[in-house]
Amino acid sequence: MSPTHCLRGLLFVAALTPLAAFAQDPPKEPASSAPAACEARAGAPQWLPCGPDRVLTEAEIKSMLIKDDAVTKMLVTSGKSGKRFFVHFRPGGKLESGPEGGANFGKSWKFKGNQVCRDYYRIAQVDCGTFELQGTTLYLSDDDGSRSPVNTLEFAKP
């Protein structure tokens, strides 16, 4: 056998090796950048985020609850007094809030990590809290331990 024949044989085998590896290990599907869809909870309002019980992260709040291009309108029942309040998160950090059917005394809002801090005209304190998903209820839980269920949520144009 001549050296030319040996070289051709080696080149032929080298050319077939990647094809043999491809046949043994099929190509993997590319990782999807879209999050996996999750099922709505039975008996839950349509707007309720899905997934396990948890404290929502800032990224989740921005994608599901408070959007840059919309007014987020919530009606919550105070965990302290049991009274209902409207809370409107407006783009640009503007806040409208007050008793249901009453005057607005909301001033501004901002993120502080996974917390949403709300400042008011008539109250000297700033309330910071997280959004917690538990069962079929979304809560706005404040630093003082009060948990206010969100009764309704809708989006409007600014």
Protein backbone atom coordinates (compact mmCIF):
# COMPACT_ATOMS: atom_id res chain seq x y z
CA MET A 1 0.00 0.00 0.00
CA SER A 2 1.43 3.34 -1.00
CA PRO A 3 1.70 6.34 1.32
CA THR A 4 -0.78 8.17 -0.94
CA HIS A 5 -3.42 5.48 -0.37
CA CYS A 6 -2.83 5.62 3.41
CA LEU A 7 -3.19 9.40 3.40
CA ARG A 8 -6.42 9.22 1.39
CA GLY A 9 -7.78 6.61 3.79
CA LEU A 10 -6.97 8.78 6.81
CA LEU A 11 -8.59 11.83 5.20
CA PHE A 12 -11.70 9.77 4.40
CA VAL A 13 -11.99 8.53 8.00
CA ALA A 14 -11.40 12.07 9.34
CA ALA A 15 -14.19 13.38 7.11
CA LEU A 16 -16.63 10.73 8.37
CA THR A 17 -15.89 11.19 12.10
CA PRO A 18 -18.03 14.35 12.61
CA LEU A 19 -20.90 12.71 10.72
CA ALA A 20 -20.73 9.65 12.96
CA ALA A 21 -20.75 11.84 16.09
CA PHE A 22 -23.73 13.78 14.73
CA ALA A 23 -25.64 10.55 14.13
CA GLN A 24 -25.00 9.34 17.69
CA ASP A 25 -25.83 12.60 19.51
CA PRO A 26 -28.70 14.50 17.91
CA PRO A 27 -28.37 18.28 18.16
CA LYS A 28 -29.82 19.80 21.27
CA GLU A 29 -32.73 22.23 21.02
CA PRO A 30 -31.67 25.84 21.55
CA ALA A 31 -32.61 27.21 24.95
CA SER A 32 -35.75 29.30 24.73
CA SER A 33 -35.56 32.84 26.07
CA ALA A 34 -39.31 32.88 26.71
CA PRO A 35 -40.35 31.85 30.21
CA ALA A 36 -42.35 28.68 30.52
CA ALA A 37 -46.07 29.34 30.72
CA CYS A 38 -47.75 28.49 33.97
CA GLU A 39 -51.36 27.66 34.62
CA ALA A 40 -53.76 30.06 36.30
CA ARG A 41 -54.84 29.07 39.78
CA ALA A 42 -58.37 27.72 40.10
CA GLY A 43 -60.72 30.42 41.36
CA ALA A 44 -58.11 33.16 40.95
CA PRO A 45 -58.79 36.48 39.23
CA GLN A 46 -57.50 36.62 35.65
CA TRP A 47 -54.91 39.29 36.48
CA LEU A 48 -53.29 37.28 39.30
CA PRO A 49 -49.68 36.26 38.54
CA CYS A 50 -49.18 32.53 38.18
CA GLY A 51 -46.53 30.32 39.68
CA PRO A 52 -45.72 29.27 43.23
CA ASP A 53 -46.50 31.27 46.37
CA ARG A 54 -43.73 33.85 46.73
CA VAL A 55 -42.67 37.44 47.24
CA LEU A 56 -42.49 38.99 43.78
CA THR A 57 -39.16 40.39 42.66
CA GLU A 58 -38.72 43.87 41.26
CA ALA A 59 -38.40 42.36 37.77
CA GLU A 60 -41.68 40.42 38.20
CA ILE A 61 -43.46 43.52 39.50
CA LYS A 62 -42.23 45.52 36.51
CA SER A 63 -43.33 42.85 34.03
CA MET A 64 -46.70 41.93 35.62
CA LEU A 65 -47.94 44.75 37.84
CA ILE A 66 -46.37 48.18 37.45
CA LYS A 67 -45.57 48.97 33.82
CA ASP A 68 -43.68 51.94 32.38
CA ASP A 69 -46.33 52.68 29.76
CA ALA A 70 -49.52 52.30 31.80
CA VAL A 71 -51.29 53.40 34.95
CA THR A 72 -51.70 50.45 37.30
CA LYS A 73 -54.98 50.84 39.19
CA MET A 74 -55.45 48.72 42.30
CA LEU A 75 -58.16 48.57 44.89
CA VAL A 76 -56.84 47.15 48.17
CA THR A 77 -58.37 46.39 51.55
CA SER A 78 -56.16 47.76 54.32
CA GLY A 79 -54.67 45.08 56.51
CA LYS A 80 -54.77 47.59 59.40
CA SER A 81 -58.23 49.16 59.23
CA GLY A 82 -60.18 46.90 56.89
CA LYS A 83 -61.11 49.96 54.77
CA ARG A 84 -60.72 49.95 51.01
CA PHE A 85 -58.21 52.22 49.29
CA PHE A 86 -57.36 52.99 45.69
CA VAL A 87 -53.70 52.89 44.71
CA HIS A 88 -52.73 54.11 41.25
CA PHE A 89 -49.09 53.70 40.23
CA ARG A 90 -48.52 56.20 37.42
CA PRO A 91 -45.48 56.26 35.11
CA GLY A 92 -42.63 58.45 36.26
CA GLY A 93 -43.07 57.61 39.94
CA LYS A 94 -46.33 59.49 40.49
CA LEU A 95 -48.79 57.99 43.00
CA GLU A 96 -52.50 58.54 43.47
CA SER A 97 -53.92 56.94 46.58
CA GLY A 98 -56.66 57.43 49.10
CA PRO A 99 -59.84 55.96 50.55
CA GLU A 100 -62.20 54.38 47.99
CA GLY A 101 -64.37 57.20 46.60
CA GLY A 102 -62.33 59.79 48.53
CA ALA A 103 -59.65 62.37 47.86
CA ASN A 104 -56.19 61.54 46.55
CA PHE A 105 -53.33 62.05 48.97
CA GLY A 106 -50.73 59.98 47.10
CA LYS A 107 -47.52 61.72 46.15
CA SER A 108 -44.90 59.37 44.66
CA TRP A 109 -43.62 55.80 44.51
CA LYS A 110 -40.26 54.13 43.82
CA PHE A 111 -38.59 50.75 43.98
CA LYS A 112 -36.25 49.88 46.82
CA GLY A 113 -35.06 46.40 45.84
CA ASN A 114 -38.13 44.14 45.79
CA GLN A 115 -40.12 46.71 47.77
CA VAL A 116 -42.37 49.43 46.42
CA CYS A 117 -42.18 52.56 48.59
CA ARG A 118 -45.15 54.94 48.62
CA ASP A 119 -44.99 58.55 49.80
CA TYR A 120 -48.11 60.58 50.68
CA TYR A 121 -49.04 64.24 51.09
CA ARG A 122 -51.08 63.78 54.29
CA ILE A 123 -49.00 61.11 56.01
CA ALA A 124 -45.53 61.87 57.33
CA GLN A 125 -44.24 58.34 56.75
CA VAL A 126 -43.21 56.44 53.64
CA ASP A 127 -44.76 52.95 53.38
CA CYS A 128 -42.52 50.32 51.82
CA GLY A 129 -43.77 46.85 51.08
CA THR A 130 -43.58 43.81 48.89
CA PHE A 131 -46.15 42.12 46.71
CA GLU A 132 -46.77 38.59 47.94
CA LEU A 133 -48.61 35.89 46.05
CA GLN A 134 -50.35 33.39 48.31
CA GLY A 135 -53.02 31.03 47.07
CA THR A 136 -55.53 33.01 45.00
CA THR A 137 -54.63 36.34 46.62
CA LEU A 138 -52.05 39.02 45.90
CA TYR A 139 -51.05 40.99 49.00
CA LEU A 140 -49.31 44.31 49.42
CA SER A 141 -47.37 43.58 52.62
CA ASP A 142 -45.83 46.53 54.45
CA ASP A 143 -42.81 46.69 56.74
CA ASP A 144 -45.10 47.01 59.77
CA GLY A 145 -46.41 43.47 59.14
CA SER A 146 -49.81 44.46 57.71
CA ARG A 147 -50.98 42.52 54.67
CA SER A 148 -53.47 44.26 52.41
CA PRO A 149 -55.16 42.05 49.80
CA VAL A 150 -55.36 43.48 46.29
CA ASN A 151 -59.03 43.21 45.29
CA THR A 152 -58.80 44.46 41.70
CA LEU A 153 -56.06 45.34 39.27
CA GLU A 154 -56.39 47.01 35.89
CA PHE A 155 -54.24 48.96 33.50
CA ALA A 156 -55.11 52.28 31.87
CA LYS A 157 -53.41 54.63 29.45
CA PRO A 158 -51.56 57.47 31.18
